[in-house]
N, C-alpha and C. Protein backbone atom coordinates (compact mmCIF):
# COMPACT_ATOMS: atom_id res chain seq x y z
N MET A 1 -37.83 -140.66 -20.24
CA MET A 1 -38.85 -141.58 -20.16
C MET A 1 -39.09 -142.73 -21.32
N GLU A 2 -38.76 -142.02 -22.54
CA GLU A 2 -39.01 -143.24 -23.56
C GLU A 2 -38.05 -144.58 -23.53
N GLU A 3 -36.85 -143.93 -23.06
CA GLU A 3 -35.93 -144.83 -23.37
C GLU A 3 -36.24 -145.97 -21.87
N GLU A 4 -36.90 -145.71 -21.05
CA GLU A 4 -37.36 -146.54 -19.98
C GLU A 4 -38.21 -147.67 -20.52
N ALA A 5 -39.14 -147.18 -21.11
CA ALA A 5 -40.05 -147.66 -22.02
C ALA A 5 -39.58 -148.91 -23.22
N ARG A 6 -38.67 -148.53 -23.80
CA ARG A 6 -38.13 -149.43 -24.88
C ARG A 6 -37.02 -150.46 -23.99
N PHE A 7 -36.63 -149.78 -22.67
CA PHE A 7 -35.86 -150.70 -21.98
C PHE A 7 -37.00 -151.98 -21.42
N CYS A 8 -38.35 -151.41 -21.13
CA CYS A 8 -39.23 -152.39 -20.58
C CYS A 8 -39.55 -153.23 -21.54
N VAL A 9 -39.58 -152.97 -22.96
CA VAL A 9 -39.85 -153.81 -24.10
C VAL A 9 -39.02 -154.84 -24.31
N GLU A 10 -37.59 -154.44 -24.34
CA GLU A 10 -36.35 -155.47 -24.45
C GLU A 10 -36.39 -156.25 -23.09
N MET A 11 -36.32 -156.19 -22.07
CA MET A 11 -36.47 -157.04 -20.88
C MET A 11 -37.49 -157.94 -21.15
N ALA A 12 -38.74 -157.73 -21.75
CA ALA A 12 -39.67 -158.58 -21.93
C ALA A 12 -39.48 -159.55 -23.11
N LYS A 13 -38.78 -158.89 -24.04
CA LYS A 13 -38.30 -159.84 -25.20
C LYS A 13 -37.04 -161.10 -24.66
N GLU A 14 -36.39 -160.33 -24.00
CA GLU A 14 -35.38 -161.36 -23.57
C GLU A 14 -36.01 -162.43 -22.69
N ARG A 15 -36.90 -162.05 -21.71
CA ARG A 15 -37.54 -163.23 -20.83
C ARG A 15 -38.35 -164.05 -21.76
N MET A 16 -38.80 -163.52 -22.77
CA MET A 16 -39.73 -164.46 -23.80
C MET A 16 -38.75 -165.25 -24.41
N ASN A 17 -37.77 -164.85 -24.67
CA ASN A 17 -36.36 -165.64 -25.74
C ASN A 17 -35.87 -166.59 -24.70
N LYS A 18 -35.85 -166.18 -23.33
CA LYS A 18 -35.07 -167.31 -22.24
C LYS A 18 -36.21 -168.38 -22.36
N ALA A 19 -37.23 -168.14 -22.35
CA ALA A 19 -38.59 -169.24 -22.34
C ALA A 19 -38.54 -170.25 -23.48
N ILE A 20 -38.12 -169.78 -24.50
CA ILE A 20 -38.50 -170.36 -25.68
C ILE A 20 -36.99 -171.44 -25.79
N LEU A 21 -35.92 -170.73 -25.44
CA LEU A 21 -34.57 -171.43 -25.44
C LEU A 21 -34.71 -172.46 -23.92
N HIS A 22 -35.34 -172.43 -23.02
CA HIS A 22 -35.86 -173.40 -21.79
C HIS A 22 -36.65 -174.34 -22.45
N LEU A 23 -37.39 -173.80 -23.48
CA LEU A 23 -38.58 -175.20 -23.68
C LEU A 23 -37.60 -176.34 -24.99
N GLU A 24 -36.78 -175.16 -25.84
CA GLU A 24 -35.95 -176.34 -26.92
C GLU A 24 -35.00 -176.96 -25.97
N ASP A 25 -34.54 -176.70 -24.78
CA ASP A 25 -33.54 -177.24 -23.83
C ASP A 25 -34.32 -178.63 -23.39
N GLU A 26 -35.61 -178.15 -23.19
CA GLU A 26 -36.24 -179.49 -22.41
C GLU A 26 -36.75 -180.57 -23.48
N LEU A 27 -36.99 -180.16 -24.41
CA LEU A 27 -37.49 -180.93 -25.24
C LEU A 27 -36.46 -182.14 -26.08
N ILE A 28 -35.26 -181.35 -26.14
CA ILE A 28 -34.19 -182.46 -26.64
C ILE A 28 -34.00 -183.70 -25.68
N HIS A 29 -34.28 -183.84 -24.18
CA HIS A 29 -34.56 -184.89 -23.55
C HIS A 29 -35.48 -185.41 -23.42
N VAL A 30 -36.40 -185.15 -24.15
CA VAL A 30 -37.76 -186.13 -24.51
C VAL A 30 -37.38 -186.96 -25.64
N ARG A 31 -37.26 -188.44 -25.31
CA ARG A 31 -36.77 -189.26 -26.31
C ARG A 31 -38.05 -189.53 -27.29
N ALA A 32 -37.67 -189.52 -28.55
CA ALA A 32 -38.71 -189.71 -29.53
C ALA A 32 -38.65 -190.97 -30.34
N GLY A 33 -38.01 -191.97 -29.72
CA GLY A 33 -37.57 -192.98 -30.35
C GLY A 33 -36.33 -193.26 -31.27
N LYS A 34 -35.70 -192.18 -31.31
CA LYS A 34 -34.31 -191.80 -32.18
C LYS A 34 -33.27 -191.90 -31.29
N ALA A 35 -32.29 -192.27 -31.90
CA ALA A 35 -31.04 -192.37 -30.83
C ALA A 35 -30.41 -191.15 -31.21
N THR A 36 -30.00 -190.26 -29.91
CA THR A 36 -29.55 -188.69 -29.77
C THR A 36 -28.41 -188.74 -28.68
N PRO A 37 -27.35 -188.27 -28.94
CA PRO A 37 -26.32 -188.07 -27.67
C PRO A 37 -27.12 -187.26 -26.47
N ALA A 38 -27.92 -186.77 -27.03
CA ALA A 38 -28.55 -185.64 -25.82
C ALA A 38 -29.44 -186.29 -24.66
N ILE A 39 -29.45 -187.51 -25.18
CA ILE A 39 -30.05 -188.75 -23.85
C ILE A 39 -29.13 -188.56 -22.76
N LEU A 40 -27.93 -188.87 -23.03
CA LEU A 40 -27.03 -189.15 -22.07
C LEU A 40 -26.51 -187.78 -21.40
N ASP A 41 -27.00 -186.38 -21.78
CA ASP A 41 -26.30 -185.10 -21.34
C ASP A 41 -26.33 -184.81 -19.91
N GLY A 42 -26.99 -185.10 -19.04
CA GLY A 42 -27.21 -185.17 -17.72
C GLY A 42 -26.29 -185.97 -16.76
N ILE A 43 -25.58 -187.07 -17.37
CA ILE A 43 -25.02 -188.13 -16.77
C ILE A 43 -23.58 -187.80 -16.66
N THR A 44 -23.25 -187.90 -15.27
CA THR A 44 -21.78 -187.82 -14.83
C THR A 44 -21.24 -188.89 -14.13
N ILE A 45 -19.93 -189.12 -14.21
CA ILE A 45 -19.29 -190.22 -13.55
C ILE A 45 -18.23 -189.62 -12.78
N ASP A 46 -17.88 -190.58 -11.70
CA ASP A 46 -16.64 -190.31 -10.68
C ASP A 46 -15.39 -190.59 -11.74
N TYR A 47 -14.76 -189.33 -12.35
CA TYR A 47 -13.51 -189.67 -13.06
C TYR A 47 -12.16 -189.31 -12.13
N TYR A 48 -11.59 -190.15 -11.26
CA TYR A 48 -10.56 -190.03 -10.48
C TYR A 48 -11.06 -188.71 -9.53
N GLY A 49 -11.74 -188.98 -8.88
CA GLY A 49 -12.13 -188.03 -7.81
C GLY A 49 -12.69 -187.00 -8.28
N ALA A 50 -13.39 -186.83 -9.33
CA ALA A 50 -13.68 -185.49 -10.00
C ALA A 50 -15.36 -186.27 -10.65
N ASN A 51 -16.32 -185.34 -10.22
CA ASN A 51 -17.33 -185.70 -11.05
C ASN A 51 -17.54 -184.87 -12.54
N THR A 52 -17.15 -185.76 -13.17
CA THR A 52 -17.25 -185.36 -14.54
C THR A 52 -18.39 -185.72 -15.71
N PRO A 53 -18.66 -184.91 -16.61
CA PRO A 53 -19.68 -185.22 -17.62
C PRO A 53 -19.62 -186.27 -18.47
N LEU A 54 -20.28 -187.24 -18.82
CA LEU A 54 -20.04 -188.57 -19.95
C LEU A 54 -19.37 -187.87 -20.97
N SER A 55 -19.62 -186.86 -21.61
CA SER A 55 -18.89 -186.28 -22.89
C SER A 55 -17.59 -185.81 -22.95
N GLN A 56 -17.29 -185.64 -21.54
CA GLN A 56 -15.95 -185.36 -21.43
C GLN A 56 -14.98 -186.67 -21.12
N VAL A 57 -15.40 -187.54 -21.00
CA VAL A 57 -14.46 -188.62 -20.71
C VAL A 57 -14.75 -189.90 -21.77
N SER A 58 -15.51 -189.62 -22.96
CA SER A 58 -15.63 -190.66 -24.06
C SER A 58 -16.18 -190.10 -25.44
N ASN A 59 -16.31 -190.51 -26.16
CA ASN A 59 -16.74 -189.97 -27.58
C ASN A 59 -17.86 -190.86 -27.59
N ILE A 60 -18.97 -190.08 -27.69
CA ILE A 60 -20.46 -190.44 -28.04
C ILE A 60 -20.84 -190.27 -29.32
N GLY A 61 -21.31 -191.15 -30.02
CA GLY A 61 -21.96 -191.56 -31.00
C GLY A 61 -23.23 -191.92 -31.48
N THR A 62 -23.82 -191.79 -33.01
CA THR A 62 -25.10 -192.81 -33.04
C THR A 62 -24.97 -193.49 -34.48
N PRO A 63 -24.45 -194.50 -34.54
CA PRO A 63 -24.03 -194.78 -35.77
C PRO A 63 -25.27 -195.27 -36.62
N ASP A 64 -26.45 -195.26 -35.83
CA ASP A 64 -27.69 -195.32 -36.67
C ASP A 64 -28.73 -194.64 -35.98
N ALA A 65 -29.89 -194.85 -36.48
CA ALA A 65 -31.03 -194.24 -35.67
C ALA A 65 -31.34 -194.92 -34.57
N LYS A 66 -30.78 -196.21 -34.45
CA LYS A 66 -31.67 -196.82 -33.23
C LYS A 66 -30.45 -197.26 -32.04
N THR A 67 -29.03 -196.49 -32.32
CA THR A 67 -27.96 -196.95 -31.56
C THR A 67 -27.41 -195.87 -30.78
N ILE A 68 -26.90 -195.92 -29.72
CA ILE A 68 -25.93 -194.64 -29.14
C ILE A 68 -24.74 -195.62 -28.75
N VAL A 69 -23.59 -195.40 -29.37
CA VAL A 69 -22.23 -195.62 -28.95
C VAL A 69 -21.54 -194.89 -27.85
N VAL A 70 -20.95 -195.23 -26.93
CA VAL A 70 -20.19 -194.64 -25.98
C VAL A 70 -18.71 -195.49 -25.76
N GLN A 71 -17.88 -194.86 -26.29
CA GLN A 71 -16.38 -195.09 -26.37
C GLN A 71 -15.50 -194.46 -25.65
N PRO A 72 -15.06 -194.92 -24.20
CA PRO A 72 -14.62 -194.17 -23.37
C PRO A 72 -13.24 -194.00 -23.94
N TRP A 73 -12.23 -192.96 -23.21
CA TRP A 73 -10.67 -192.85 -23.83
C TRP A 73 -9.86 -193.47 -23.03
N ASP A 74 -10.84 -193.88 -21.77
CA ASP A 74 -9.98 -195.11 -21.03
C ASP A 74 -10.78 -195.95 -20.55
N LYS A 75 -10.21 -196.96 -21.09
CA LYS A 75 -11.04 -198.78 -21.27
C LYS A 75 -11.19 -198.82 -19.95
N SER A 76 -10.35 -198.38 -18.85
CA SER A 76 -10.87 -198.93 -17.40
C SER A 76 -11.55 -198.39 -16.72
N MET A 77 -12.47 -197.29 -17.66
CA MET A 77 -13.71 -196.53 -16.86
C MET A 77 -14.97 -197.11 -17.55
N LEU A 78 -14.90 -198.10 -18.43
CA LEU A 78 -15.93 -198.78 -18.97
C LEU A 78 -17.20 -199.25 -17.99
N SER A 79 -16.72 -200.03 -16.96
CA SER A 79 -17.79 -200.40 -15.83
C SER A 79 -18.22 -199.21 -15.17
N THR A 80 -17.54 -198.30 -15.13
CA THR A 80 -17.92 -197.18 -14.23
C THR A 80 -19.19 -196.16 -14.87
N ILE A 81 -18.76 -196.05 -16.34
CA ILE A 81 -19.80 -195.47 -17.20
C ILE A 81 -21.10 -196.24 -17.41
N GLU A 82 -20.87 -197.70 -17.41
CA GLU A 82 -22.00 -198.39 -17.41
C GLU A 82 -22.78 -198.36 -16.52
N LYS A 83 -22.48 -198.53 -15.19
CA LYS A 83 -23.35 -198.17 -13.89
C LYS A 83 -23.68 -196.71 -13.99
N ALA A 84 -23.13 -195.73 -14.46
CA ALA A 84 -23.55 -194.62 -14.34
C ALA A 84 -24.85 -194.25 -15.16
N ILE A 85 -24.77 -194.89 -16.46
CA ILE A 85 -25.86 -195.04 -17.30
C ILE A 85 -27.21 -195.73 -16.82
N LEU A 86 -26.84 -196.85 -16.16
CA LEU A 86 -27.99 -197.46 -15.32
C LEU A 86 -28.71 -196.76 -14.20
N TYR A 87 -27.81 -196.18 -13.42
CA TYR A 87 -28.21 -195.18 -12.21
C TYR A 87 -28.95 -194.02 -12.57
N ALA A 88 -28.57 -193.36 -13.98
CA ALA A 88 -29.26 -192.24 -14.60
C ALA A 88 -30.94 -192.83 -15.08
N ASN A 89 -31.47 -193.80 -15.06
CA ASN A 89 -32.72 -194.36 -14.95
C ASN A 89 -33.33 -193.76 -16.24
N ILE A 90 -32.66 -193.64 -17.72
CA ILE A 90 -32.95 -193.06 -18.86
C ILE A 90 -34.00 -194.45 -19.68
N GLY A 91 -34.02 -195.39 -19.11
CA GLY A 91 -35.01 -196.42 -19.46
C GLY A 91 -34.30 -197.13 -20.57
N ILE A 92 -33.05 -197.28 -20.79
CA ILE A 92 -31.96 -197.82 -21.52
C ILE A 92 -30.79 -198.63 -20.94
N THR A 93 -30.81 -199.95 -21.37
CA THR A 93 -29.72 -200.96 -20.87
C THR A 93 -28.56 -200.58 -21.73
N PRO A 94 -27.48 -200.71 -20.95
CA PRO A 94 -26.49 -200.56 -21.64
C PRO A 94 -25.60 -202.14 -21.89
N THR A 95 -25.17 -202.30 -23.15
CA THR A 95 -24.40 -203.32 -23.13
C THR A 95 -22.80 -203.13 -23.38
N ASN A 96 -22.09 -203.82 -22.67
CA ASN A 96 -20.91 -203.38 -22.58
C ASN A 96 -20.05 -204.64 -23.19
N ASN A 97 -18.99 -204.38 -24.48
CA ASN A 97 -18.14 -205.54 -25.18
C ASN A 97 -16.92 -205.53 -24.88
N GLY A 98 -16.73 -204.59 -23.73
CA GLY A 98 -15.19 -204.73 -23.34
C GLY A 98 -14.45 -203.48 -24.10
N GLU A 99 -14.94 -203.07 -25.26
CA GLU A 99 -14.45 -201.74 -25.90
C GLU A 99 -15.02 -200.54 -26.08
N ILE A 100 -16.70 -200.76 -26.03
CA ILE A 100 -17.34 -199.65 -26.04
C ILE A 100 -18.83 -200.33 -25.62
N ILE A 101 -19.52 -199.01 -25.11
CA ILE A 101 -20.74 -199.47 -24.47
C ILE A 101 -22.02 -199.21 -25.75
N ARG A 102 -22.45 -200.07 -25.94
CA ARG A 102 -23.80 -199.84 -27.11
C ARG A 102 -25.20 -199.67 -26.35
N LEU A 103 -25.97 -198.82 -26.53
CA LEU A 103 -27.31 -198.45 -25.99
C LEU A 103 -28.13 -198.84 -27.30
N ASN A 104 -28.88 -199.76 -27.43
CA ASN A 104 -30.13 -199.59 -28.18
C ASN A 104 -31.21 -199.15 -27.98
N ILE A 105 -31.94 -198.37 -28.74
CA ILE A 105 -33.06 -197.60 -28.10
C ILE A 105 -34.57 -198.41 -28.78
N PRO A 106 -35.00 -199.00 -27.94
CA PRO A 106 -36.11 -199.75 -28.17
C PRO A 106 -37.24 -198.63 -28.78
N PRO A 107 -38.02 -199.45 -29.68
CA PRO A 107 -38.99 -198.46 -30.38
C PRO A 107 -40.09 -198.41 -29.57
N LEU A 108 -40.79 -197.09 -29.52
CA LEU A 108 -41.71 -196.66 -28.61
C LEU A 108 -43.38 -197.14 -28.93
N THR A 109 -44.14 -197.68 -27.96
CA THR A 109 -45.40 -198.02 -27.99
C THR A 109 -46.34 -197.10 -28.55
N GLU A 110 -47.25 -197.39 -28.96
CA GLU A 110 -48.38 -196.24 -29.14
C GLU A 110 -48.93 -195.49 -27.69
N GLU A 111 -48.82 -196.24 -26.97
CA GLU A 111 -49.31 -195.59 -25.85
C GLU A 111 -48.27 -194.68 -25.03
N ARG A 112 -47.11 -195.27 -24.97
CA ARG A 112 -45.88 -194.28 -24.81
C ARG A 112 -45.98 -192.91 -25.74
N ARG A 113 -46.16 -193.02 -26.92
CA ARG A 113 -46.19 -191.92 -27.71
C ARG A 113 -46.94 -190.93 -27.18
N LYS A 114 -48.37 -191.42 -27.05
CA LYS A 114 -49.15 -190.50 -26.61
C LYS A 114 -48.93 -189.70 -25.45
N ASN A 115 -48.17 -190.70 -24.53
CA ASN A 115 -47.68 -189.95 -23.09
C ASN A 115 -46.65 -188.99 -23.37
N LEU A 116 -45.78 -189.22 -24.21
CA LEU A 116 -44.82 -187.95 -24.86
C LEU A 116 -45.40 -187.05 -25.12
N VAL A 117 -46.34 -187.08 -26.13
CA VAL A 117 -46.98 -185.98 -26.53
C VAL A 117 -47.71 -185.29 -25.31
N LYS A 118 -48.38 -185.81 -24.66
CA LYS A 118 -48.85 -184.92 -23.60
C LYS A 118 -47.73 -184.15 -22.64
N GLN A 119 -46.78 -184.69 -22.62
CA GLN A 119 -45.64 -184.11 -21.66
C GLN A 119 -45.43 -183.06 -22.56
N VAL A 120 -45.04 -183.15 -23.96
CA VAL A 120 -44.45 -182.11 -24.54
C VAL A 120 -45.61 -180.97 -24.72
N LYS A 121 -46.67 -181.45 -24.54
CA LYS A 121 -47.63 -180.43 -24.80
C LYS A 121 -47.69 -179.40 -23.37
N THR A 122 -47.78 -179.96 -22.23
CA THR A 122 -47.57 -179.44 -20.71
C THR A 122 -46.37 -178.70 -20.91
N MET A 123 -45.07 -179.25 -21.45
CA MET A 123 -44.05 -178.23 -21.49
C MET A 123 -44.27 -176.93 -22.39
N GLY A 124 -45.13 -177.00 -23.30
CA GLY A 124 -45.30 -176.04 -23.98
C GLY A 124 -46.30 -175.08 -23.41
N GLU A 125 -47.16 -175.50 -22.93
CA GLU A 125 -48.04 -174.64 -21.95
C GLU A 125 -47.41 -173.90 -20.81
N ASN A 126 -46.56 -174.58 -20.31
CA ASN A 126 -45.56 -173.80 -19.29
C ASN A 126 -44.87 -173.02 -19.70
N THR A 127 -44.55 -172.82 -21.08
CA THR A 127 -43.51 -171.94 -21.74
C THR A 127 -44.75 -170.71 -22.17
N LYS A 128 -45.66 -170.85 -22.71
CA LYS A 128 -46.44 -170.13 -22.72
C LYS A 128 -47.23 -169.06 -21.24
N VAL A 129 -47.26 -169.91 -20.31
CA VAL A 129 -47.52 -169.25 -19.42
C VAL A 129 -45.84 -168.02 -18.76
N SER A 130 -44.87 -168.64 -18.88
CA SER A 130 -43.79 -167.74 -19.00
C SER A 130 -43.88 -166.82 -19.89
N VAL A 131 -44.27 -166.97 -20.91
CA VAL A 131 -43.88 -165.78 -22.12
C VAL A 131 -45.20 -164.72 -21.30
N ARG A 132 -46.38 -164.96 -21.27
CA ARG A 132 -47.24 -164.12 -20.58
C ARG A 132 -47.13 -163.55 -19.30
N ASN A 133 -46.49 -164.22 -18.31
CA ASN A 133 -45.74 -163.62 -17.06
C ASN A 133 -44.85 -162.57 -17.72
N ALA A 134 -44.14 -162.63 -18.54
CA ALA A 134 -43.36 -161.78 -19.20
C ALA A 134 -43.65 -160.45 -19.81
N ARG A 135 -45.07 -160.79 -20.23
CA ARG A 135 -46.13 -159.67 -20.67
C ARG A 135 -46.71 -159.05 -19.50
N ARG A 136 -47.27 -159.62 -18.67
CA ARG A 136 -47.82 -159.05 -17.57
C ARG A 136 -46.90 -157.87 -16.84
N ASP A 137 -45.47 -158.75 -16.42
CA ASP A 137 -44.56 -157.74 -15.56
C ASP A 137 -44.12 -156.58 -16.45
N ALA A 138 -44.05 -156.50 -17.94
CA ALA A 138 -43.72 -155.45 -18.50
C ALA A 138 -44.96 -154.33 -18.69
N ASN A 139 -45.91 -155.08 -18.78
CA ASN A 139 -46.86 -153.93 -18.95
C ASN A 139 -47.32 -153.28 -17.58
N GLU A 140 -47.13 -154.15 -16.36
CA GLU A 140 -46.97 -153.60 -14.87
C GLU A 140 -46.24 -152.49 -14.96
N GLU A 141 -45.08 -152.49 -15.39
CA GLU A 141 -43.95 -151.99 -15.28
C GLU A 141 -43.80 -150.44 -16.37
N LEU A 142 -45.03 -150.58 -17.20
CA LEU A 142 -45.09 -149.51 -18.08
C LEU A 142 -46.37 -148.62 -17.62
N LYS A 143 -46.95 -149.35 -17.08
CA LYS A 143 -48.15 -148.50 -16.06
C LYS A 143 -47.45 -147.86 -14.64
N LYS A 144 -46.53 -148.22 -14.23
CA LYS A 144 -45.79 -147.53 -13.12
C LYS A 144 -45.18 -146.45 -14.05
N LEU A 145 -44.21 -146.73 -14.83
CA LEU A 145 -43.91 -145.61 -15.62
C LEU A 145 -44.69 -144.63 -16.39
N GLN A 146 -45.95 -144.51 -16.53
CA GLN A 146 -46.83 -143.64 -16.92
C GLN A 146 -47.11 -142.91 -15.78
N LYS A 147 -47.54 -143.39 -14.42
CA LYS A 147 -47.78 -142.98 -13.46
C LYS A 147 -46.63 -141.95 -13.03
N ASP A 148 -45.43 -142.12 -13.26
CA ASP A 148 -44.25 -141.38 -13.14
C ASP A 148 -43.92 -140.30 -14.15
N GLY A 149 -45.19 -140.33 -14.89
CA GLY A 149 -44.92 -139.20 -16.09
C GLY A 149 -44.44 -139.53 -17.52
N LEU A 150 -44.59 -140.76 -17.82
CA LEU A 150 -44.28 -141.57 -19.16
C LEU A 150 -45.47 -140.82 -19.86
N PRO A 151 -45.36 -140.11 -21.10
CA PRO A 151 -46.88 -140.02 -22.04
C PRO A 151 -47.44 -141.20 -22.31
N GLU A 152 -48.94 -140.82 -22.31
CA GLU A 152 -49.95 -142.08 -22.36
C GLU A 152 -49.79 -143.00 -23.66
N ASP A 153 -49.38 -142.21 -24.62
CA ASP A 153 -49.42 -142.55 -25.86
C ASP A 153 -47.92 -143.60 -26.38
N VAL A 154 -46.77 -142.97 -25.37
CA VAL A 154 -45.72 -143.84 -25.74
C VAL A 154 -46.04 -145.11 -24.72
N GLU A 155 -47.01 -145.25 -23.35
CA GLU A 155 -47.04 -146.30 -22.56
C GLU A 155 -47.83 -147.48 -23.81
N LYS A 156 -48.81 -146.64 -24.42
CA LYS A 156 -49.72 -147.42 -25.32
C LYS A 156 -48.97 -148.30 -26.47
N ASP A 157 -48.00 -147.45 -27.32
CA ASP A 157 -47.03 -148.09 -28.26
C ASP A 157 -46.60 -149.09 -27.71
N ALA A 158 -45.86 -149.12 -26.29
CA ALA A 158 -45.05 -149.89 -25.83
C ALA A 158 -45.63 -151.11 -25.36
N GLN A 159 -47.01 -151.33 -24.76
CA GLN A 159 -47.84 -151.98 -24.80
C GLN A 159 -48.13 -152.98 -25.93
N ASP A 160 -48.44 -152.06 -26.85
CA ASP A 160 -48.85 -152.94 -28.19
C ASP A 160 -47.42 -153.55 -28.79
N LYS A 161 -46.38 -152.98 -28.61
CA LYS A 161 -45.44 -153.72 -28.95
C LYS A 161 -45.09 -154.80 -28.18
N VAL A 162 -45.37 -154.89 -27.02
CA VAL A 162 -45.00 -156.11 -25.90
C VAL A 162 -46.17 -157.05 -26.39
N GLN A 163 -47.67 -156.77 -26.74
CA GLN A 163 -48.52 -157.67 -27.06
C GLN A 163 -48.47 -158.62 -28.35
N GLN A 164 -47.64 -157.65 -29.28
CA GLN A 164 -47.28 -158.23 -30.65
C GLN A 164 -46.09 -159.23 -30.45
N MET A 165 -45.20 -158.97 -29.65
CA MET A 165 -44.22 -160.00 -29.27
C MET A 165 -44.93 -161.25 -28.74
N THR A 166 -45.82 -160.87 -27.76
CA THR A 166 -46.29 -161.84 -26.90
C THR A 166 -46.98 -163.04 -27.89
N ASP A 167 -47.90 -162.51 -29.00
CA ASP A 167 -48.53 -163.28 -29.92
C ASP A 167 -47.21 -164.08 -30.88
N ASP A 168 -46.09 -163.42 -31.34
CA ASP A 168 -45.10 -163.78 -31.94
C ASP A 168 -44.65 -165.13 -31.14
N TYR A 169 -44.16 -164.94 -29.84
CA TYR A 169 -43.75 -166.05 -29.10
C TYR A 169 -44.55 -167.21 -28.68
N ILE A 170 -45.68 -167.09 -28.70
CA ILE A 170 -46.58 -168.12 -28.43
C ILE A 170 -46.78 -168.96 -29.99
N GLY A 171 -46.84 -168.02 -30.96
CA GLY A 171 -46.70 -169.02 -32.02
C GLY A 171 -45.46 -169.76 -32.14
N LYS A 172 -44.57 -169.14 -31.94
CA LYS A 172 -43.10 -170.13 -31.71
C LYS A 172 -43.45 -171.19 -31.28
N VAL A 173 -44.09 -170.99 -29.99
CA VAL A 173 -43.94 -172.29 -28.86
C VAL A 173 -44.78 -173.43 -29.63
N ASP A 174 -46.42 -172.77 -30.05
CA ASP A 174 -46.91 -173.63 -31.10
C ASP A 174 -46.49 -174.58 -32.16
N ALA A 175 -45.10 -173.64 -32.67
CA ALA A 175 -44.44 -174.54 -33.85
C ALA A 175 -43.75 -175.41 -33.48
N ILE A 176 -42.91 -175.23 -32.13
CA ILE A 176 -42.01 -176.01 -31.98
C ILE A 176 -42.38 -177.25 -31.16
N VAL A 177 -43.61 -177.05 -30.62
CA VAL A 177 -44.32 -178.34 -29.66
C VAL A 177 -44.97 -179.01 -30.80
N ALA A 178 -45.61 -178.51 -31.88
CA ALA A 178 -45.93 -179.22 -33.45
C ALA A 178 -44.75 -179.90 -34.24
N LEU A 179 -43.80 -179.63 -33.83
CA LEU A 179 -42.83 -180.27 -34.50
C LEU A 179 -42.35 -181.51 -33.74
N LYS A 180 -42.27 -181.18 -32.79
CA LYS A 180 -41.73 -182.26 -31.86
C LYS A 180 -42.84 -183.61 -31.62
N GLU A 181 -44.07 -182.83 -31.55
CA GLU A 181 -45.11 -183.92 -31.45
C GLU A 181 -44.98 -184.71 -32.93
N LYS A 182 -44.92 -184.10 -33.88
CA LYS A 182 -44.72 -184.82 -35.37
C LYS A 182 -43.77 -185.85 -35.05
N ASP A 183 -42.54 -185.34 -34.67
CA ASP A 183 -41.27 -186.19 -34.80
C ASP A 183 -41.74 -187.35 -33.78
N ILE A 184 -42.25 -187.36 -32.54
CA ILE A 184 -42.84 -188.33 -31.89
C ILE A 184 -43.62 -189.52 -32.29
N MET A 185 -44.84 -188.73 -33.11
CA MET A 185 -45.78 -189.58 -33.43
C MET A 185 -45.15 -190.24 -34.88
N THR A 186 -44.12 -189.77 -35.35
CA THR A 186 -43.61 -190.68 -36.52
C THR A 186 -42.64 -191.70 -36.35
N VAL A 187 -43.43 -193.00 -37.05
CA VAL A 187 -42.77 -194.38 -36.59
C VAL A 187 -41.87 -194.90 -37.36
């Protein structure tokens, strides 16, 4: 029985970890006024009949903090890539010089920065909800196990462990959100 309680705690930890990883992945796509190739992550193009991620048909780099350069391996794909970036609606207009596509990241306005911070805080709150849901599900499972014969002290210890994990993960979420907020507000 104690093995089942330990398994229950591990499952909660795994779900909380996934929530944190999801938050970090979401925050990569929040543009903080700095050039990062991750802005182009979701963009795919029609490459000889196959829907292919942009990163697989070109070299994507950031020569400076305000510029992203896309250099396709096949020059004939320049206009296709340019159109894909425009259709992706990332808020940046590409410029094509016949060799490379350059994306100049515009500076964020104060109002836009505040909106991004609100968006980041909402993402953080959603992650906290996921962490708390993992705690709730684990506690419900532990209560079922207790009804099925798990000793009360083992169930209580497991619940305490789940609560400690929840507090730790909520702290991690707060730290990640604070770091991104600082990144956004830094001009």
